[in-house]
Amino acid sequence: MGELSNTVFSHAEEFVQQVPLLVTSSHATINRPAITLTFAQSLDGKISLPGQQLLLSGAESMAMTHRLRSMHDGILVGIDTVICDDPQLCVRHVPASELTSVAHPQPIVLDSQLRIPLTARLLVGPQTNSRLKMPFIVTGPDHDPARRAQLEQMGARVVVVACDAGRLCLGAVVRELRQLGIMRLMVEGGARVIQAFLESQIVDLLIITIAPVLVGSSGVAAALSPLSAPIVPQLYEQFGRDVVMAATIQHNVG
C-alpha cells in the first residue's frame, strides 16, 4: 500500500466522527465492553478463501479501519485468522505525525487450544517495538500447560474461560475482557468469530466494508447462517472503490 494523502486520512476521521455510537458515551456495562464488529466482504458476501488471505479493502477504506482501531481499547480475532493472515492488529495507516503517539489497541486472540505459532507477529512484534502490546490469548480449561508456560514466558497473557462443546463461551470472554480494562472492543473475524458474535446479541455497532469484487462459491461467507434480528443502517460512505456501512442490530424485536 503506497503513501496515503492527508485527504484520505481526513475522510476516515470525518466518517468515524459521524457514527453516533463511536462518539457518544460508551455502551460498555459492568459485564462487557462496548462491541464493534467490523469486516470487509465482497459483493457476494465472502470475506476470505479457505485457508488463504484475501485482501478486499482498498487503501481508503483501510485507512478508515485503522482510524477505527485507534478508537478501541482492544481488537479481537480468532486463531484461524492469526494462523492464516499473521496480522499485527495495530494502527499503521494514519498520518505520519501520529505514528509515534497513536494508541495501539490491545490484541486479543480466541484460541481454545493454544495453537498460536510462537513466530506469530503478534508475539514477535512487541519484542522489537515497545509501543506494541503483547496479546491476550483467551483459551479454554483444557489447554497444554507447557504451551501456556512458553507463551507467558514470551510475555503474552493467557486468559482462561469456560467452554461449551469445545467452543469458548463468548459471555465469559467479554466479561473477562471488561474486568481486564477493555471498555471498547473491536472484533475483526474470521468467519466463525463473526458468526458467533452476531448470534450472541452483544454487538453494539456493525461496520462492513463492501468491495466491488466477486469471489465466487469457493469463498468463505461472512455470515454462516441467517441473522433473525434486523440490521438498521445508520450511515453509508464511499471510500475509493469501496462502500462502508455503519449499522446497529435491533435485538429482541417483537
C-alpha atoms as a PDB file:
ATOM      1  CA  MET A   1       0.000   0.000   0.000  1.00  0.00           C
ATOM      2  CA  GLY A   2       1.516   3.308  -1.100  1.00  0.00           C
ATOM      3  CA  GLU A   3       1.689   6.511   0.881  1.00  0.00           C
ATOM      4  CA  LEU A   4      -1.769   7.918   1.556  1.00  0.00           C
ATOM      5  CA  SER A   5      -2.745  11.568   1.309  1.00  0.00           C
ATOM      6  CA  ASN A   6      -3.969  13.787   4.124  1.00  0.00           C
ATOM      7  CA  THR A   7      -7.309  13.933   2.304  1.00  0.00           C
ATOM      8  CA  VAL A   8      -7.727  10.169   2.741  1.00  0.00           C
ATOM      9  CA  PHE A   9      -6.903  10.362   6.445  1.00  0.00           C
ATOM     10  CA  SER A  10      -9.245  13.327   6.935  1.00  0.00           C
ATOM     11  CA  HIS A  11     -12.060  11.442   5.211  1.00  0.00           C
ATOM     12  CA  ALA A  12     -11.548   8.484   7.541  1.00  0.00           C
ATOM     13  CA  GLU A  13     -11.628  10.750  10.585  1.00  0.00           C
ATOM     14  CA  GLU A  14     -14.764  12.550   9.389  1.00  0.00           C
ATOM     15  CA  PHE A  15     -16.576   9.260   8.853  1.00  0.00           C
ATOM     16  CA  VAL A  16     -15.924   7.773  12.284  1.00  0.00           C
ATOM     17  CA  GLN A  17     -16.916  11.056  13.915  1.00  0.00           C
ATOM     18  CA  GLN A  18     -20.329  10.759  12.241  1.00  0.00           C
ATOM     19  CA  VAL A  19     -21.050   7.346  13.761  1.00  0.00           C
ATOM     20  CA  PRO A  20     -23.068   8.078  16.921  1.00  0.00           C
ATOM     21  CA  LEU A  21     -22.010   5.023  18.924  1.00  0.00           C
ATOM     22  CA  LEU A  22     -18.339   5.892  18.432  1.00  0.00           C
ATOM     23  CA  VAL A  23     -18.553   9.453  19.693  1.00  0.00           C
ATOM     24  CA  THR A  24     -21.275   9.260  22.360  1.00  0.00           C
ATOM     25  CA  SER A  25     -20.919   7.744  25.805  1.00  0.00           C
ATOM     26  CA  SER A  26     -19.647   4.185  25.801  1.00  0.00           C
ATOM     27  CA  HIS A  27     -22.134   1.310  25.704  1.00  0.00           C
ATOM     28  CA  ALA A  28     -19.870  -0.694  27.971  1.00  0.00           C
ATOM     29  CA  THR A  29     -21.515  -2.211  31.035  1.00  0.00           C
ATOM     30  CA  ILE A  30     -20.115  -3.828  34.164  1.00  0.00           C
ATOM     31  CA  ASN A  31     -20.416  -7.168  32.340  1.00  0.00           C
ATOM     32  CA  ARG A  32     -18.899  -6.422  28.928  1.00  0.00           C
ATOM     33  CA  PRO A  33     -17.213  -3.817  26.734  1.00  0.00           C
ATOM     34  CA  ALA A  34     -18.986  -1.840  24.035  1.00  0.00           C
ATOM     35  CA  ILE A  35     -18.549  -4.057  20.978  1.00  0.00           C
ATOM     36  CA  THR A  36     -17.944  -3.069  17.354  1.00  0.00           C
ATOM     37  CA  LEU A  37     -17.994  -5.877  14.787  1.00  0.00           C
ATOM     38  CA  THR A  38     -16.224  -4.958  11.568  1.00  0.00           C
ATOM     39  CA  PHE A  39     -15.116  -6.814   8.447  1.00  0.00           C
ATOM     40  CA  ALA A  40     -14.622  -6.425   4.702  1.00  0.00           C
ATOM     41  CA  GLN A  41     -16.622  -8.530   2.275  1.00  0.00           C
ATOM     42  CA  SER A  42     -17.060  -8.975  -1.448  1.00  0.00           C
ATOM     43  CA  LEU A  43     -20.255  -8.144  -3.344  1.00  0.00           C
ATOM     44  CA  ASP A  44     -21.261 -11.788  -2.987  1.00  0.00           C
ATOM     45  CA  GLY A  45     -20.749 -11.749   0.775  1.00  0.00           C
ATOM     46  CA  LYS A  46     -17.384 -13.515   1.032  1.00  0.00           C
ATOM     47  CA  ILE A  47     -14.612 -12.483   3.417  1.00  0.00           C
ATOM     48  CA  SER A  48     -11.837 -14.926   2.523  1.00  0.00           C
ATOM     49  CA  LEU A  49     -10.800 -18.049   0.645  1.00  0.00           C
ATOM     50  CA  PRO A  50     -10.358 -21.334   2.543  1.00  0.00           C
ATOM     51  CA  GLY A  51      -7.006 -21.211   4.304  1.00  0.00           C
ATOM     52  CA  GLN A  52      -5.873 -18.176   2.317  1.00  0.00           C
ATOM     53  CA  GLN A  53      -5.575 -14.478   2.990  1.00  0.00           C
ATOM     54  CA  LEU A  54      -7.839 -12.352   0.791  1.00  0.00           C
ATOM     55  CA  LEU A  55      -7.236  -8.601   0.806  1.00  0.00           C
ATOM     56  CA  LEU A  56     -10.525  -6.925  -0.091  1.00  0.00           C
ATOM     57  CA  SER A  57     -10.246  -3.415   1.364  1.00  0.00           C
ATOM     58  CA  GLY A  58      -8.807  -0.630  -0.761  1.00  0.00           C
ATOM     59  CA  ALA A  59      -6.340   1.892   0.647  1.00  0.00           C
ATOM     60  CA  GLU A  60      -9.036   4.422   1.507  1.00  0.00           C
ATOM     61  CA  SER A  61     -11.264   2.054   3.469  1.00  0.00           C
ATOM     62  CA  MET A  62      -8.195   0.543   5.129  1.00  0.00           C
ATOM     63  CA  ALA A  63      -7.350   3.999   6.500  1.00  0.00           C
ATOM     64  CA  MET A  64     -10.868   4.142   7.945  1.00  0.00           C
ATOM     65  CA  THR A  65     -10.391   0.740   9.593  1.00  0.00           C
ATOM     66  CA  HIS A  66      -7.131   1.828  11.194  1.00  0.00           C
ATOM     67  CA  ARG A  67      -8.738   5.040  12.472  1.00  0.00           C
ATOM     68  CA  LEU A  68     -11.442   2.814  13.929  1.00  0.00           C
ATOM     69  CA  ARG A  69      -8.794   0.658  15.600  1.00  0.00           C
ATOM     70  CA  SER A  70      -7.362   3.740  17.288  1.00  0.00           C
ATOM     71  CA  MET A  71     -10.750   4.371  18.946  1.00  0.00           C
ATOM     72  CA  HIS A  72     -10.911   0.962  20.647  1.00  0.00           C
ATOM     73  CA  ASP A  73      -9.098  -0.469  23.672  1.00  0.00           C
ATOM     74  CA  GLY A  74      -8.946  -3.989  22.289  1.00  0.00           C
ATOM     75  CA  ILE A  75      -9.061  -5.736  18.920  1.00  0.00           C
ATOM     76  CA  LEU A  76     -10.132  -9.376  18.760  1.00  0.00           C
ATOM     77  CA  VAL A  77      -9.665 -12.130  16.179  1.00  0.00           C
ATOM     78  CA  GLY A  78      -9.888 -15.901  16.142  1.00  0.00           C
ATOM     79  CA  ILE A  79      -6.900 -18.218  15.982  1.00  0.00           C
ATOM     80  CA  ASP A  80      -7.651 -19.211  12.372  1.00  0.00           C
ATOM     81  CA  THR A  81      -7.150 -15.576  11.348  1.00  0.00           C
ATOM     82  CA  VAL A  82      -3.800 -15.488  13.148  1.00  0.00           C
ATOM     83  CA  ILE A  83      -2.620 -18.696  11.501  1.00  0.00           C
ATOM     84  CA  CYS A  84      -3.812 -17.686   8.018  1.00  0.00           C
ATOM     85  CA  ASP A  85      -3.074 -13.929   7.935  1.00  0.00           C
ATOM     86  CA  ASP A  86      -0.415 -13.422  10.647  1.00  0.00           C
ATOM     87  CA  PRO A  87      -1.849  -9.958  11.460  1.00  0.00           C
ATOM     88  CA  GLN A  88      -0.246  -7.261  13.595  1.00  0.00           C
ATOM     89  CA  LEU A  89      -3.552  -5.778  14.867  1.00  0.00           C
ATOM     90  CA  CYS A  90      -2.016  -2.359  15.393  1.00  0.00           C
ATOM     91  CA  VAL A  91      -2.611   1.137  13.983  1.00  0.00           C
ATOM     92  CA  ARG A  92      -0.409   1.843  10.949  1.00  0.00           C
ATOM     93  CA  HIS A  93      -2.423   3.696   8.303  1.00  0.00           C
ATOM     94  CA  VAL A  94      -2.634   7.102   9.982  1.00  0.00           C
ATOM     95  CA  PRO A  95      -0.811  10.380   9.277  1.00  0.00           C
ATOM     96  CA  ALA A  96       2.956  10.191   9.812  1.00  0.00           C
ATOM     97  CA  SER A  97       2.657  12.787  12.566  1.00  0.00           C
ATOM     98  CA  GLU A  98       0.588  10.323  14.628  1.00  0.00           C
ATOM     99  CA  LEU A  99       2.649   7.181  14.175  1.00  0.00           C
ATOM    100  CA  THR A 100       4.777   7.736  17.270  1.00  0.00           C
ATOM    101  CA  SER A 101       1.886   8.788  19.508  1.00  0.00           C
ATOM    102  CA  VAL A 102      -1.186   6.853  18.404  1.00  0.00           C
ATOM    103  CA  ALA A 103      -2.528   4.373  20.957  1.00  0.00           C
ATOM    104  CA  HIS A 104      -2.446   0.799  19.707  1.00  0.00           C
ATOM    105  CA  PRO A 105      -5.318  -1.429  20.840  1.00  0.00           C
ATOM    106  CA  GLN A 106      -4.744  -4.492  22.953  1.00  0.00           C
ATOM    107  CA  PRO A 107      -4.552  -7.555  20.636  1.00  0.00           C
ATOM    108  CA  ILE A 108      -6.824 -10.397  21.745  1.00  0.00           C
ATOM    109  CA  VAL A 109      -6.879 -13.891  20.244  1.00  0.00           C
ATOM    110  CA  LEU A 110      -9.550 -16.537  20.815  1.00  0.00           C
ATOM    111  CA  ASP A 111      -7.508 -19.748  20.893  1.00  0.00           C
ATOM    112  CA  SER A 112      -9.131 -22.596  22.804  1.00  0.00           C
ATOM    113  CA  GLN A 113      -6.190 -24.982  22.264  1.00  0.00           C
ATOM    114  CA  LEU A 114      -3.260 -22.507  22.288  1.00  0.00           C
ATOM    115  CA  ARG A 115      -2.400 -23.116  18.633  1.00  0.00           C
ATOM    116  CA  ILE A 116      -0.878 -19.661  18.102  1.00  0.00           C
ATOM    117  CA  PRO A 117       2.547 -20.035  16.439  1.00  0.00           C
ATOM    118  CA  LEU A 118       5.449 -18.823  18.552  1.00  0.00           C
ATOM    119  CA  THR A 119       6.634 -16.987  15.431  1.00  0.00           C
ATOM    120  CA  ALA A 120       3.394 -15.012  15.045  1.00  0.00           C
ATOM    121  CA  ARG A 121       3.910 -11.294  14.541  1.00  0.00           C
ATOM    122  CA  LEU A 122       1.606 -10.665  17.494  1.00  0.00           C
ATOM    123  CA  LEU A 123       4.263 -12.293  19.697  1.00  0.00           C
ATOM    124  CA  VAL A 124       7.419 -11.210  17.878  1.00  0.00           C
ATOM    125  CA  GLY A 125       6.488  -7.611  17.053  1.00  0.00           C
ATOM    126  CA  PRO A 126       6.352  -6.258  20.627  1.00  0.00           C
ATOM    127  CA  GLN A 127       9.847  -7.635  21.265  1.00  0.00           C
ATOM    128  CA  THR A 128      11.278  -5.145  18.765  1.00  0.00           C
ATOM    129  CA  ASN A 129       8.707  -2.346  19.127  1.00  0.00           C
ATOM    130  CA  SER A 130       7.968  -1.398  22.713  1.00  0.00           C
ATOM    131  CA  ARG A 131       4.860   0.563  21.697  1.00  0.00           C
ATOM    132  CA  LEU A 132       3.113  -2.634  20.619  1.00  0.00           C
ATOM    133  CA  LYS A 133       1.315  -4.745  23.207  1.00  0.00           C
ATOM    134  CA  MET A 134       1.734  -8.449  23.806  1.00  0.00           C
ATOM    135  CA  PRO A 135      -1.552 -10.251  23.110  1.00  0.00           C
ATOM    136  CA  PHE A 136      -4.170 -11.541  25.467  1.00  0.00           C
ATOM    137  CA  ILE A 137      -4.719 -15.165  24.424  1.00  0.00           C
ATOM    138  CA  VAL A 138      -8.115 -16.420  25.555  1.00  0.00           C
ATOM    139  CA  THR A 139      -8.204 -20.184  25.918  1.00  0.00           C
ATOM    140  CA  GLY A 140     -10.258 -22.947  27.498  1.00  0.00           C
ATOM    141  CA  PRO A 141      -9.569 -25.038  30.607  1.00  0.00           C
ATOM    142  CA  ASP A 142      -8.318 -27.989  28.550  1.00  0.00           C
ATOM    143  CA  HIS A 143      -5.109 -26.424  27.264  1.00  0.00           C
ATOM    144  CA  ASP A 144      -1.486 -27.569  27.262  1.00  0.00           C
ATOM    145  CA  PRO A 145       0.220 -26.189  30.409  1.00  0.00           C
ATOM    146  CA  ALA A 146       3.665 -26.406  28.786  1.00  0.00           C
ATOM    147  CA  ARG A 147       2.473 -24.367  25.812  1.00  0.00           C
ATOM    148  CA  ARG A 148       0.923 -21.851  28.171  1.00  0.00           C
ATOM    149  CA  ALA A 149       4.213 -21.519  30.009  1.00  0.00           C
ATOM    150  CA  GLN A 150       6.015 -20.841  26.709  1.00  0.00           C
ATOM    151  CA  LEU A 151       3.574 -18.119  25.747  1.00  0.00           C
ATOM    152  CA  GLU A 152       3.677 -16.484  29.153  1.00  0.00           C
ATOM    153  CA  GLN A 153       7.466 -16.561  29.132  1.00  0.00           C
ATOM    154  CA  MET A 154       7.340 -14.627  25.859  1.00  0.00           C
ATOM    155  CA  GLY A 155       5.139 -12.024  27.556  1.00  0.00           C
ATOM    156  CA  ALA A 156       1.648 -12.987  26.392  1.00  0.00           C
ATOM    157  CA  ARG A 157      -1.189 -13.021  28.909  1.00  0.00           C
ATOM    158  CA  VAL A 158      -3.169 -16.278  28.829  1.00  0.00           C
ATOM    159  CA  VAL A 159      -6.779 -15.838  29.951  1.00  0.00           C
ATOM    160  CA  VAL A 160      -8.769 -18.981  30.768  1.00  0.00           C
ATOM    161  CA  VAL A 161     -12.560 -19.042  30.354  1.00  0.00           C
ATOM    162  CA  ALA A 162     -15.207 -21.741  30.230  1.00  0.00           C
ATOM    163  CA  CYS A 163     -16.002 -23.684  27.071  1.00  0.00           C
ATOM    164  CA  ASP A 164     -19.246 -25.116  25.755  1.00  0.00           C
ATOM    165  CA  ALA A 165     -18.977 -28.039  23.326  1.00  0.00           C
ATOM    166  CA  GLY A 166     -15.340 -27.156  22.741  1.00  0.00           C
ATOM    167  CA  ARG A 167     -16.014 -23.502  21.940  1.00  0.00           C
ATOM    168  CA  LEU A 168     -15.139 -20.575  24.183  1.00  0.00           C
ATOM    169  CA  CYS A 169     -18.193 -19.066  25.868  1.00  0.00           C
ATOM    170  CA  LEU A 170     -18.438 -15.537  24.497  1.00  0.00           C
ATOM    171  CA  GLY A 171     -20.303 -14.271  27.540  1.00  0.00           C
ATOM    172  CA  ALA A 172     -17.395 -15.363  29.720  1.00  0.00           C
ATOM    173  CA  VAL A 173     -14.892 -13.913  27.231  1.00  0.00           C
ATOM    174  CA  VAL A 174     -16.382 -10.429  27.199  1.00  0.00           C
ATOM    175  CA  ARG A 175     -16.903 -10.393  30.971  1.00  0.00           C
ATOM    176  CA  GLU A 176     -13.252 -11.247  31.498  1.00  0.00           C
ATOM    177  CA  LEU A 177     -12.101  -8.635  28.988  1.00  0.00           C
ATOM    178  CA  ARG A 178     -14.194  -5.995  30.753  1.00  0.00           C
ATOM    179  CA  GLN A 179     -12.536  -6.942  34.050  1.00  0.00           C
ATOM    180  CA  LEU A 180      -9.159  -6.546  32.349  1.00  0.00           C
ATOM    181  CA  GLY A 181      -9.994  -2.945  31.447  1.00  0.00           C
ATOM    182  CA  ILE A 182     -11.269  -3.306  27.881  1.00  0.00           C
ATOM    183  CA  MET A 183     -14.068  -0.737  27.564  1.00  0.00           C
ATOM    184  CA  ARG A 184     -14.376  -0.684  23.763  1.00  0.00           C
ATOM    185  CA  LEU A 185     -13.775  -3.906  21.836  1.00  0.00           C
ATOM    186  CA  MET A 186     -13.353  -4.169  18.060  1.00  0.00           C
ATOM    187  CA  VAL A 187     -13.992  -7.635  16.607  1.00  0.00           C
ATOM    188  CA  GLU A 188     -12.439  -8.304  13.181  1.00  0.00           C
ATOM    189  CA  GLY A 189     -13.028 -12.001  12.441  1.00  0.00           C
ATOM    190  CA  GLY A 190     -12.713 -14.544  10.951  1.00  0.00           C
ATOM    191  CA  ALA A 191     -15.947 -16.145   9.822  1.00  0.00           C
ATOM    192  CA  ARG A 192     -16.663 -18.303  12.876  1.00  0.00           C
ATOM    193  CA  VAL A 193     -15.919 -15.421  15.236  1.00  0.00           C
ATOM    194  CA  ILE A 194     -18.136 -13.070  13.210  1.00  0.00           C
ATOM    195  CA  GLN A 195     -20.991 -15.573  13.273  1.00  0.00           C
ATOM    196  CA  ALA A 196     -20.587 -16.243  16.996  1.00  0.00           C
ATOM    197  CA  PHE A 197     -20.759 -12.544  17.857  1.00  0.00           C
ATOM    198  CA  LEU A 198     -23.740 -11.975  15.556  1.00  0.00           C
ATOM    199  CA  GLU A 199     -25.608 -14.818  17.255  1.00  0.00           C
ATOM    200  CA  SER A 200     -24.633 -13.662  20.738  1.00  0.00           C
ATOM    201  CA  GLN A 201     -26.749 -10.479  20.589  1.00  0.00           C
ATOM    202  CA  ILE A 202     -23.984  -8.420  22.185  1.00  0.00           C
ATOM    203  CA  VAL A 203     -22.834  -6.422  19.152  1.00  0.00           C
ATOM    204  CA  ASP A 204     -23.497  -2.699  19.551  1.00  0.00           C
ATOM    205  CA  LEU A 205     -22.164  -1.477  16.207  1.00  0.00           C
ATOM    206  CA  LEU A 206     -21.635  -3.164  12.846  1.00  0.00           C
ATOM    207  CA  ILE A 207     -19.243  -1.651  10.285  1.00  0.00           C
ATOM    208  CA  ILE A 208     -18.966  -3.504   6.982  1.00  0.00           C
ATOM    209  CA  THR A 209     -16.704  -2.608   4.077  1.00  0.00           C
ATOM    210  CA  ILE A 210     -18.095  -3.831   0.747  1.00  0.00           C
ATOM    211  CA  ALA A 211     -15.540  -4.225  -2.037  1.00  0.00           C
ATOM    212  CA  PRO A 212     -16.533  -4.363  -5.743  1.00  0.00           C
ATOM    213  CA  VAL A 213     -15.245  -7.909  -6.122  1.00  0.00           C
ATOM    214  CA  LEU A 214     -16.950 -11.250  -6.810  1.00  0.00           C
ATOM    215  CA  VAL A 215     -15.134 -14.097  -5.063  1.00  0.00           C
ATOM    216  CA  GLY A 216     -17.401 -16.948  -6.093  1.00  0.00           C
ATOM    217  CA  SER A 217     -18.686 -20.104  -4.484  1.00  0.00           C
ATOM    218  CA  SER A 218     -15.262 -21.140  -3.170  1.00  0.00           C
ATOM    219  CA  GLY A 219     -15.170 -18.145  -0.845  1.00  0.00           C
ATOM    220  CA  VAL A 220     -15.901 -18.182   2.881  1.00  0.00           C
ATOM    221  CA  ALA A 221     -19.139 -16.370   3.723  1.00  0.00           C
ATOM    222  CA  ALA A 222     -19.226 -13.594   6.308  1.00  0.00           C
ATOM    223  CA  ALA A 223     -22.449 -14.980   7.778  1.00  0.00           C
ATOM    224  CA  LEU A 224     -22.751 -18.743   8.049  1.00  0.00           C
ATOM    225  CA  SER A 225     -26.449 -18.662   8.930  1.00  0.00           C
ATOM    226  CA  PRO A 226     -29.268 -16.095   8.773  1.00  0.00           C
ATOM    227  CA  LEU A 227     -29.485 -13.332  11.359  1.00  0.00           C
ATOM    228  CA  SER A 228     -33.006 -13.024  12.722  1.00  0.00           C
ATOM    229  CA  ALA A 229     -32.577  -9.537  14.216  1.00  0.00           C
ATOM    230  CA  PRO A 230     -32.989  -6.598  11.802  1.00  0.00           C
ATOM    231  CA  ILE A 231     -29.896  -4.646  10.778  1.00  0.00           C
ATOM    232  CA  VAL A 232     -30.547  -0.901  10.940  1.00  0.00           C
ATOM    233  CA  PRO A 233     -28.207   1.133   8.690  1.00  0.00           C
ATOM    234  CA  GLN A 234     -27.005   4.407  10.209  1.00  0.00           C
ATOM    235  CA  LEU A 235     -24.559   5.666   7.607  1.00  0.00           C
ATOM    236  CA  TYR A 236     -23.166   4.791   4.178  1.00  0.00           C
ATOM    237  CA  GLU A 237     -19.934   6.252   2.825  1.00  0.00           C
ATOM    238  CA  GLN A 238     -17.803   5.643  -0.252  1.00  0.00           C
ATOM    239  CA  PHE A 239     -14.069   5.201   0.285  1.00  0.00           C
ATOM    240  CA  GLY A 240     -12.318   4.964  -3.063  1.00  0.00           C
ATOM    241  CA  ARG A 241     -13.837   1.945  -4.772  1.00  0.00           C
ATOM    242  CA  ASP A 242     -15.396   0.554  -1.568  1.00  0.00           C
ATOM    243  CA  VAL A 243     -18.638   1.363   0.240  1.00  0.00           C
ATOM    244  CA  VAL A 244     -18.717   1.279   4.048  1.00  0.00           C
ATOM    245  CA  MET A 245     -21.899   0.804   6.054  1.00  0.00           C
ATOM    246  CA  ALA A 246     -22.283   1.578   9.747  1.00  0.00           C
ATOM    247  CA  ALA A 247     -25.320  -0.047  11.333  1.00  0.00           C
ATOM    248  CA  THR A 248     -26.840  -1.251  14.558  1.00  0.00           C
ATOM    249  CA  ILE A 249     -28.568  -4.588  15.153  1.00  0.00           C
ATOM    250  CA  GLN A 250     -32.068  -4.339  16.572  1.00  0.00           C
ATOM    251  CA  HIS A 251     -32.151  -7.220  19.018  1.00  0.00           C
ATOM    252  CA  ASN A 252     -35.230  -8.557  20.793  1.00  0.00           C
ATOM    253  CA  VAL A 253     -37.725  -7.043  18.361  1.00  0.00           C
ATOM    254  CA  GLY A 254     -41.305  -8.139  18.676  1.00  0.00           C
END
